[in-house]
Protein backbone atom coordinates (compact mmCIF):
# COMPACT_ATOMS: atom_id res chain seq x y z
CA UNK A 1 -18.19 66.34 -27.60
CA UNK A 2 -14.81 65.27 -29.08
CA UNK A 3 -14.95 63.83 -32.48
CA UNK A 4 -12.14 61.66 -31.22
CA UNK A 5 -14.35 59.69 -29.03
CA UNK A 6 -17.86 59.54 -31.51
CA UNK A 7 -15.35 58.37 -34.31
CA UNK A 8 -14.09 55.50 -31.54
CA UNK A 9 -17.54 54.42 -31.88
CA UNK A 10 -18.38 54.37 -35.64
CA UNK A 11 -17.61 50.79 -36.82
CA UNK A 12 -17.77 48.74 -39.75
CA UNK A 13 -20.03 45.96 -40.62
CA UNK A 14 -21.54 44.94 -44.02
CA UNK A 15 -19.65 47.33 -45.95
CA UNK A 16 -20.82 49.87 -43.90
CA UNK A 17 -20.05 52.93 -41.49
CA UNK A 18 -22.85 52.44 -38.31
CA UNK A 19 -23.36 53.57 -34.62
CA UNK A 20 -24.49 50.95 -32.48
CA UNK A 21 -27.78 51.52 -29.99
CA UNK A 22 -25.91 51.24 -26.74
CA UNK A 23 -22.79 53.54 -27.68
CA UNK A 24 -25.60 55.90 -29.39
CA UNK A 25 -27.44 55.73 -26.37
CA UNK A 26 -24.34 56.50 -23.87
CA UNK A 27 -23.66 59.90 -25.85
CA UNK A 28 -27.37 61.18 -25.67
CA UNK A 29 -27.35 59.81 -22.38
CA UNK A 30 -30.62 57.92 -21.77
CA UNK A 31 -30.91 54.09 -21.68
CA UNK A 32 -30.51 52.01 -24.78
CA UNK A 33 -34.08 50.45 -23.86
CA UNK A 34 -35.52 53.83 -23.95
CA UNK A 35 -33.64 54.68 -27.46
CA UNK A 36 -35.26 51.57 -29.28
CA UNK A 37 -38.19 51.77 -27.68
CA UNK A 38 -38.36 55.90 -29.58
CA UNK A 39 -37.10 53.86 -32.83
CA UNK A 40 -40.06 51.28 -32.65
CA UNK A 41 -42.73 53.92 -32.34
CA UNK A 42 -40.95 55.19 -35.19
CA UNK A 43 -40.31 52.38 -37.33
CA UNK A 44 -41.62 53.97 -40.86
CA UNK A 45 -38.03 56.71 -40.49
CA UNK A 46 -35.66 54.20 -40.24
CA UNK A 47 -35.57 51.72 -43.27
CA UNK A 48 -33.08 49.04 -43.92
CA UNK A 49 -30.58 51.08 -45.31
CA UNK A 50 -31.17 53.44 -42.36
CA UNK A 51 -31.05 50.96 -39.02
CA UNK A 52 -30.87 47.06 -39.10
CA UNK A 53 -30.86 44.83 -36.63
CA UNK A 54 -27.07 42.88 -35.65
CA UNK A 55 -26.45 39.20 -36.84
CA UNK A 56 -25.96 36.84 -33.46
CA UNK A 57 -22.54 36.51 -35.70
CA UNK A 58 -21.54 39.37 -36.45
CA UNK A 59 -22.98 40.65 -33.19
CA UNK A 60 -20.38 37.49 -31.21
CA UNK A 61 -17.61 38.96 -33.58
CA UNK A 62 -18.03 42.46 -32.59
CA UNK A 63 -18.18 41.68 -28.80
CA UNK A 64 -14.90 39.31 -28.78
CA UNK A 65 -13.34 42.49 -30.96
CA UNK A 66 -14.90 45.91 -28.88
CA UNK A 67 -14.42 46.27 -25.09
CA UNK A 68 -17.47 48.31 -24.14
CA UNK A 69 -19.45 45.81 -26.08
CA UNK A 70 -18.43 43.12 -23.67
CA UNK A 71 -19.89 45.15 -20.82
CA UNK A 72 -23.24 44.98 -22.29
CA UNK A 73 -24.34 42.22 -19.73
CA UNK A 74 -27.30 44.05 -19.32
CA UNK A 75 -28.65 43.35 -22.46
CA UNK A 76 -30.66 40.19 -23.28
CA UNK A 77 -27.97 38.19 -25.08
CA UNK A 78 -31.27 36.79 -27.91
CA UNK A 79 -31.23 40.34 -28.51
CA UNK A 80 -28.84 41.67 -30.68
CA UNK A 81 -28.00 46.21 -31.13
CA UNK A 82 -29.66 47.55 -34.06
CA UNK A 83 -26.59 49.06 -36.06
CA UNK A 84 -27.20 52.86 -37.15
CA UNK A 85 -25.95 54.05 -40.35
CA UNK A 86 -25.22 58.02 -41.21
CA UNK A 87 -28.39 58.30 -42.32
CA UNK A 88 -30.08 56.30 -39.47
CA UNK A 89 -28.19 58.94 -36.74
CA UNK A 90 -29.57 61.94 -38.87
CA UNK A 91 -33.29 60.29 -38.46
CA UNK A 92 -32.62 59.53 -34.41
CA UNK A 93 -32.99 64.10 -34.28
CA UNK A 94 -35.90 63.29 -35.10
CA UNK A 95 -37.15 60.68 -32.70
CA UNK A 96 -35.19 61.97 -29.91
CA UNK A 97 -36.25 65.76 -29.83
CA UNK A 98 -34.01 67.08 -26.29
CA UNK A 99 -31.18 69.71 -27.12
CA UNK A 100 -28.81 67.27 -25.71
CA UNK A 101 -29.97 64.98 -28.52
CA UNK A 102 -29.60 67.94 -30.71
CA UNK A 103 -26.41 68.74 -30.00
CA UNK A 104 -24.98 65.46 -30.04
CA UNK A 105 -26.13 64.34 -32.89
CA UNK A 106 -24.67 67.61 -34.86
CA UNK A 107 -21.27 66.54 -32.82
CA UNK A 108 -21.79 62.82 -34.98
CA UNK A 109 -22.61 64.14 -38.16
CA UNK A 110 -19.78 66.32 -38.30
CA UNK A 111 -17.34 62.88 -37.28
CA UNK A 112 -19.37 60.97 -40.17
CA UNK A 113 -17.77 63.62 -42.34
CA UNK A 114 -14.60 63.81 -41.23
CA UNK A 115 -14.45 59.91 -41.96
CA UNK A 116 -15.46 60.90 -45.32
CA UNK A 117 -12.59 63.35 -46.01
CA UNK A 118 -9.87 61.47 -44.52
CA UNK A 119 -11.17 58.28 -46.64
CA UNK A 120 -11.47 60.47 -49.77
CA UNK A 121 -7.38 62.22 -48.70
CA UNK A 122 -5.93 58.75 -47.98
CA UNK A 123 -7.86 57.24 -51.45
CA UNK A 124 -5.82 60.30 -53.28
CA UNK A 125 -2.85 59.64 -51.62
CA UNK A 126 -2.93 56.39 -51.87
CA UNK A 127 -3.64 56.69 -55.80
CA UNK A 128 -0.69 58.78 -55.71
CA UNK A 129 1.67 56.22 -54.10
CA UNK A 130 0.68 53.70 -56.60
CA UNK A 131 1.16 56.08 -59.65
CA UNK A 132 4.83 56.95 -58.55
CA UNK A 133 5.31 53.02 -58.07
CA UNK A 134 4.33 52.30 -61.16
CA UNK A 135 6.76 54.85 -62.86
CA UNK A 136 9.85 54.07 -60.90
CA UNK A 137 9.28 50.46 -61.04
CA UNK A 138 9.66 50.43 -64.55
CA UNK A 139 12.50 52.34 -64.34
CA UNK A 140 14.37 50.38 -61.15
CA UNK A 141 13.78 46.87 -62.89
CA UNK A 142 15.64 47.87 -66.16
CA UNK A 143 18.88 48.94 -63.09
CA UNK A 144 18.22 45.60 -61.23
CA UNK A 145 18.32 43.47 -65.05
CA UNK A 146 21.42 45.35 -65.75
CA UNK A 147 23.50 44.69 -62.24
CA UNK A 148 21.72 40.95 -61.97
CA UNK A 149 23.33 40.59 -65.56
CA UNK A 150 26.63 41.57 -64.65
CA UNK A 151 26.98 39.47 -61.00
CA UNK A 152 25.78 36.75 -63.25
CA UNK A 153 28.75 37.52 -66.06
CA UNK A 154 30.97 37.78 -63.70
CA UNK A 155 29.91 33.86 -61.80
CA UNK A 156 30.63 32.68 -65.25
CA UNK A 157 34.01 34.15 -66.02
CA UNK A 158 34.72 32.70 -62.46
CA UNK A 159 33.69 29.57 -62.97
CA UNK A 160 35.39 29.13 -66.81
CA UNK A 161 38.75 29.92 -65.14
CA UNK A 162 38.03 27.58 -62.57
CA UNK A 163 37.41 25.00 -65.07
CA UNK A 164 40.24 21.80 -65.96
CA UNK A 165 41.51 22.99 -69.23
CA UNK A 166 41.35 19.64 -71.50
CA UNK A 167 42.74 19.20 -75.39
CA UNK A 168 45.64 20.12 -77.42
CA UNK A 169 48.59 22.36 -75.03
CA UNK A 170 50.78 24.66 -77.45
CA UNK A 171 53.81 25.76 -75.90
């Protein structure tokens, strides 16, 4: 299973990285209905922080943004998909016990780990860039002030020469 394929199926909802039931069903090669039935038979394994149902507004927003979500024509429009957090996806392994489910689950967990590592690296790079920006912006600010001062001074001298002289003239 390719990590990139899985990563394209990880979305951010309510500030959490999640995978939707129909994407998971596709990866596990089962019908979405069957996956949700297995989850409903084991609800005690899926607290709110592991799995939640999207609101109608969240679902509509996602459908307009995600190509695969708009293909969900068989889905009852009154029923929004379940969103599984990383822990919820891990818990699915205990509910779906096929060899395929185990392999897919390992790949999905590796995808979540890769995303976390990327986010950590990105944060470190972002912090370093901000540090450099702060350091060098102070130095460049002084240079810009000096250049602007010289430009303004040059303008003032030019303006003084163009003025009509008044007062006593000496010969």
